Amino acid sequence: MRAMYLANYFVAGCIAFSLLGWIASLHPYAFRAVLCLLVAIAIAWGLSWLLDFSLSKLLKISVADLQAFLISGLAMLLIGLGVFLCS
């Protein structure tokens, strides 16, 4: 059951990043806005890796679950960037 929830979040994240890539391809201002959003997400993602032990205690999840979430977040970002570059 837990894997099914993770798969649902993964698909929703892929759709969200693909939508951001599509919006970025519409107009140069939208591209800049999406680029700023992706930079903010990348900074938060990097800080989450650096602070994974303290963050896992704060969120009350195991470190392995947090790292699995972060890895799936990277995969979602890569799929969204692929859609952006191919469109």
N, C-alpha and C. Protein backbone atom coordinates (compact mmCIF):
# COMPACT_ATOMS: atom_id res chain seq x y z
N MET A 1 0.83 -1.19 0.00
CA MET A 1 0.00 0.00 0.00
C MET A 1 0.87 1.25 0.00
N ARG A 2 1.97 1.21 0.75
CA ARG A 2 2.83 2.38 0.83
C ARG A 2 3.50 2.67 -0.51
N ALA A 3 3.87 1.63 -1.24
CA ALA A 3 4.49 1.81 -2.56
C ALA A 3 3.50 2.43 -3.53
N MET A 4 2.22 2.10 -3.38
CA MET A 4 1.21 2.67 -4.26
C MET A 4 1.07 4.18 -4.01
N TYR A 5 1.13 4.60 -2.74
CA TYR A 5 1.09 6.03 -2.44
C TYR A 5 2.30 6.74 -3.02
N LEU A 6 3.48 6.15 -2.88
CA LEU A 6 4.69 6.75 -3.42
C LEU A 6 4.61 6.84 -4.94
N ALA A 7 4.07 5.81 -5.58
CA ALA A 7 3.92 5.84 -7.03
C ALA A 7 2.94 6.94 -7.46
N ASN A 8 1.88 7.12 -6.70
CA ASN A 8 0.92 8.19 -7.02
C ASN A 8 1.56 9.57 -6.90
N TYR A 9 2.33 9.77 -5.84
CA TYR A 9 3.03 11.05 -5.68
C TYR A 9 4.06 11.25 -6.78
N PHE A 10 4.72 10.17 -7.18
CA PHE A 10 5.70 10.26 -8.25
C PHE A 10 5.05 10.68 -9.56
N VAL A 11 3.93 10.07 -9.90
CA VAL A 11 3.23 10.43 -11.14
C VAL A 11 2.71 11.86 -11.07
N ALA A 12 2.18 12.25 -9.92
CA ALA A 12 1.70 13.63 -9.76
C ALA A 12 2.85 14.63 -9.89
N GLY A 13 4.01 14.30 -9.33
CA GLY A 13 5.17 15.17 -9.45
C GLY A 13 5.67 15.27 -10.88
N CYS A 14 5.66 14.15 -11.60
CA CYS A 14 6.06 14.18 -13.02
C CYS A 14 5.12 15.05 -13.83
N ILE A 15 3.84 14.95 -13.55
CA ILE A 15 2.86 15.77 -14.25
C ILE A 15 3.08 17.24 -13.91
N ALA A 16 3.36 17.55 -12.65
CA ALA A 16 3.57 18.94 -12.23
C ALA A 16 4.80 19.53 -12.90
N PHE A 17 5.91 18.79 -12.92
CA PHE A 17 7.12 19.32 -13.54
C PHE A 17 6.97 19.41 -15.06
N SER A 18 6.22 18.49 -15.65
CA SER A 18 5.96 18.59 -17.09
C SER A 18 5.12 19.82 -17.40
N LEU A 19 4.14 20.10 -16.54
CA LEU A 19 3.32 21.29 -16.71
C LEU A 19 4.16 22.55 -16.58
N LEU A 20 5.08 22.56 -15.61
CA LEU A 20 5.97 23.72 -15.48
C LEU A 20 6.84 23.90 -16.72
N GLY A 21 7.33 22.79 -17.28
CA GLY A 21 8.12 22.87 -18.50
C GLY A 21 7.30 23.41 -19.66
N TRP A 22 6.05 22.99 -19.75
CA TRP A 22 5.19 23.47 -20.83
C TRP A 22 4.90 24.96 -20.66
N ILE A 23 4.64 25.39 -19.42
CA ILE A 23 4.38 26.81 -19.16
C ILE A 23 5.62 27.63 -19.49
N ALA A 24 6.79 27.10 -19.17
CA ALA A 24 8.04 27.83 -19.44
C ALA A 24 8.28 27.99 -20.94
N SER A 25 7.78 27.07 -21.74
CA SER A 25 7.99 27.16 -23.18
C SER A 25 7.04 28.16 -23.85
N LEU A 26 6.07 28.67 -23.13
CA LEU A 26 5.08 29.56 -23.73
C LEU A 26 5.59 30.99 -23.92
N HIS A 27 6.32 31.51 -22.95
CA HIS A 27 6.68 32.93 -22.98
C HIS A 27 8.00 33.11 -22.22
N PRO A 28 8.84 34.07 -22.65
CA PRO A 28 10.13 34.27 -21.95
C PRO A 28 9.96 34.65 -20.48
N TYR A 29 8.94 35.42 -20.14
CA TYR A 29 8.74 35.77 -18.73
C TYR A 29 8.32 34.54 -17.92
N ALA A 30 7.52 33.70 -18.52
CA ALA A 30 7.14 32.45 -17.85
C ALA A 30 8.36 31.56 -17.67
N PHE A 31 9.26 31.58 -18.65
CA PHE A 31 10.49 30.79 -18.54
C PHE A 31 11.32 31.27 -17.35
N ARG A 32 11.44 32.58 -17.19
CA ARG A 32 12.21 33.12 -16.07
C ARG A 32 11.56 32.79 -14.74
N ALA A 33 10.25 32.87 -14.67
CA ALA A 33 9.54 32.57 -13.43
C ALA A 33 9.70 31.09 -13.06
N VAL A 34 9.56 30.21 -14.04
CA VAL A 34 9.72 28.78 -13.79
C VAL A 34 11.17 28.47 -13.43
N LEU A 35 12.10 29.15 -14.07
CA LEU A 35 13.51 28.95 -13.75
C LEU A 35 13.80 29.35 -12.30
N CYS A 36 13.26 30.45 -11.85
CA CYS A 36 13.44 30.87 -10.45
C CYS A 36 12.81 29.85 -9.50
N LEU A 37 11.65 29.34 -9.86
CA LEU A 37 10.99 28.32 -9.03
C LEU A 37 11.83 27.05 -8.97
N LEU A 38 12.39 26.63 -10.10
CA LEU A 38 13.21 25.43 -10.11
C LEU A 38 14.51 25.62 -9.33
N VAL A 39 15.07 26.82 -9.36
CA VAL A 39 16.26 27.09 -8.56
C VAL A 39 15.93 27.01 -7.07
N ALA A 40 14.79 27.55 -6.68
CA ALA A 40 14.37 27.49 -5.28
C ALA A 40 14.15 26.04 -4.85
N ILE A 41 13.54 25.24 -5.73
CA ILE A 41 13.33 23.83 -5.42
C ILE A 41 14.67 23.10 -5.32
N ALA A 42 15.61 23.42 -6.20
CA ALA A 42 16.92 22.78 -6.16
C ALA A 42 17.68 23.14 -4.88
N ILE A 43 17.57 24.38 -4.44
CA ILE A 43 18.22 24.78 -3.19
C ILE A 43 17.60 24.04 -2.00
N ALA A 44 16.28 23.96 -1.97
CA ALA A 44 15.62 23.24 -0.88
C ALA A 44 15.97 21.75 -0.93
N TRP A 45 16.08 21.19 -2.13
CA TRP A 45 16.44 19.77 -2.28
C TRP A 45 17.86 19.53 -1.77
N GLY A 46 18.79 20.41 -2.13
CA GLY A 46 20.17 20.27 -1.66
C GLY A 46 20.28 20.41 -0.15
N LEU A 47 19.56 21.38 0.42
CA LEU A 47 19.57 21.52 1.87
C LEU A 47 18.95 20.32 2.57
N SER A 48 17.95 19.71 1.94
CA SER A 48 17.35 18.51 2.52
C SER A 48 18.34 17.36 2.57
N TRP A 49 19.21 17.25 1.57
CA TRP A 49 20.25 16.22 1.60
C TRP A 49 21.28 16.52 2.68
N LEU A 50 21.63 17.79 2.84
CA LEU A 50 22.64 18.14 3.85
C LEU A 50 22.11 17.98 5.27
N LEU A 51 20.83 18.24 5.46
CA LEU A 51 20.23 18.20 6.79
C LEU A 51 19.30 17.01 6.97
N ASP A 52 19.60 15.89 6.31
CA ASP A 52 18.65 14.78 6.29
C ASP A 52 18.39 14.18 7.67
N PHE A 53 19.38 14.09 8.53
CA PHE A 53 19.15 13.48 9.84
C PHE A 53 18.28 14.37 10.72
N SER A 54 18.56 15.66 10.76
CA SER A 54 17.73 16.55 11.58
C SER A 54 16.35 16.75 10.96
N LEU A 55 16.28 16.75 9.64
CA LEU A 55 14.98 16.91 8.97
C LEU A 55 14.10 15.68 9.17
N SER A 56 14.72 14.49 9.18
CA SER A 56 13.92 13.28 9.39
C SER A 56 13.36 13.23 10.81
N LYS A 57 14.10 13.75 11.78
CA LYS A 57 13.56 13.82 13.15
C LYS A 57 12.42 14.83 13.22
N LEU A 58 12.57 15.94 12.51
CA LEU A 58 11.52 16.96 12.52
C LEU A 58 10.24 16.44 11.87
N LEU A 59 10.38 15.71 10.76
CA LEU A 59 9.21 15.18 10.06
C LEU A 59 8.72 13.85 10.63
N LYS A 60 9.51 13.28 11.56
CA LYS A 60 9.19 12.01 12.23
C LYS A 60 9.06 10.86 11.23
N ILE A 61 10.01 10.81 10.29
CA ILE A 61 10.11 9.70 9.36
C ILE A 61 11.55 9.18 9.41
N SER A 62 11.75 8.01 8.86
CA SER A 62 13.11 7.47 8.87
C SER A 62 13.96 8.17 7.81
N VAL A 63 15.26 8.08 7.99
CA VAL A 63 16.18 8.71 7.04
C VAL A 63 16.07 8.03 5.68
N ALA A 64 15.87 6.72 5.67
CA ALA A 64 15.74 6.00 4.40
C ALA A 64 14.50 6.46 3.64
N ASP A 65 13.40 6.69 4.34
CA ASP A 65 12.19 7.19 3.67
C ASP A 65 12.40 8.59 3.11
N LEU A 66 13.08 9.43 3.87
CA LEU A 66 13.36 10.78 3.39
C LEU A 66 14.27 10.74 2.17
N GLN A 67 15.28 9.89 2.20
CA GLN A 67 16.17 9.78 1.05
C GLN A 67 15.46 9.20 -0.16
N ALA A 68 14.54 8.28 0.05
CA ALA A 68 13.75 7.75 -1.07
C ALA A 68 12.87 8.84 -1.67
N PHE A 69 12.31 9.68 -0.82
CA PHE A 69 11.50 10.80 -1.30
C PHE A 69 12.35 11.78 -2.09
N LEU A 70 13.57 12.05 -1.62
CA LEU A 70 14.45 12.99 -2.32
C LEU A 70 14.92 12.42 -3.66
N ILE A 71 15.19 11.14 -3.71
CA ILE A 71 15.59 10.52 -4.98
C ILE A 71 14.45 10.54 -5.97
N SER A 72 13.23 10.26 -5.50
CA SER A 72 12.09 10.32 -6.41
C SER A 72 11.84 11.76 -6.86
N GLY A 73 12.13 12.74 -6.00
CA GLY A 73 12.01 14.14 -6.40
C GLY A 73 12.99 14.50 -7.51
N LEU A 74 14.20 13.96 -7.43
CA LEU A 74 15.18 14.19 -8.49
C LEU A 74 14.72 13.54 -9.80
N ALA A 75 14.16 12.34 -9.71
CA ALA A 75 13.66 11.68 -10.92
C ALA A 75 12.51 12.48 -11.54
N MET A 76 11.63 13.03 -10.69
CA MET A 76 10.53 13.84 -11.21
C MET A 76 11.07 15.09 -11.91
N LEU A 77 12.08 15.71 -11.32
CA LEU A 77 12.67 16.89 -11.92
C LEU A 77 13.31 16.57 -13.26
N LEU A 78 14.01 15.46 -13.33
CA LEU A 78 14.66 15.08 -14.59
C LEU A 78 13.64 14.78 -15.68
N ILE A 79 12.55 14.14 -15.33
CA ILE A 79 11.50 13.87 -16.32
C ILE A 79 10.86 15.17 -16.79
N GLY A 80 10.62 16.08 -15.86
CA GLY A 80 10.06 17.39 -16.23
C GLY A 80 10.99 18.19 -17.11
N LEU A 81 12.29 18.15 -16.80
CA LEU A 81 13.26 18.84 -17.67
C LEU A 81 13.34 18.20 -19.05
N GLY A 82 13.19 16.89 -19.10
CA GLY A 82 13.18 16.21 -20.39
C GLY A 82 11.99 16.63 -21.24
N VAL A 83 10.84 16.79 -20.61
CA VAL A 83 9.67 17.26 -21.35
C VAL A 83 9.87 18.69 -21.82
N PHE A 84 10.48 19.51 -20.95
CA PHE A 84 10.73 20.91 -21.32
C PHE A 84 11.69 20.99 -22.49
N LEU A 85 12.75 20.21 -22.46
CA LEU A 85 13.75 20.28 -23.53
C LEU A 85 13.23 19.69 -24.84
N CYS A 86 12.31 18.74 -24.75
CA CYS A 86 11.79 18.11 -25.97
C CYS A 86 10.61 18.87 -26.56
N SER A 87 10.05 19.82 -25.83
CA SER A 87 8.89 20.54 -26.37
C SER A 87 9.29 21.85 -26.99
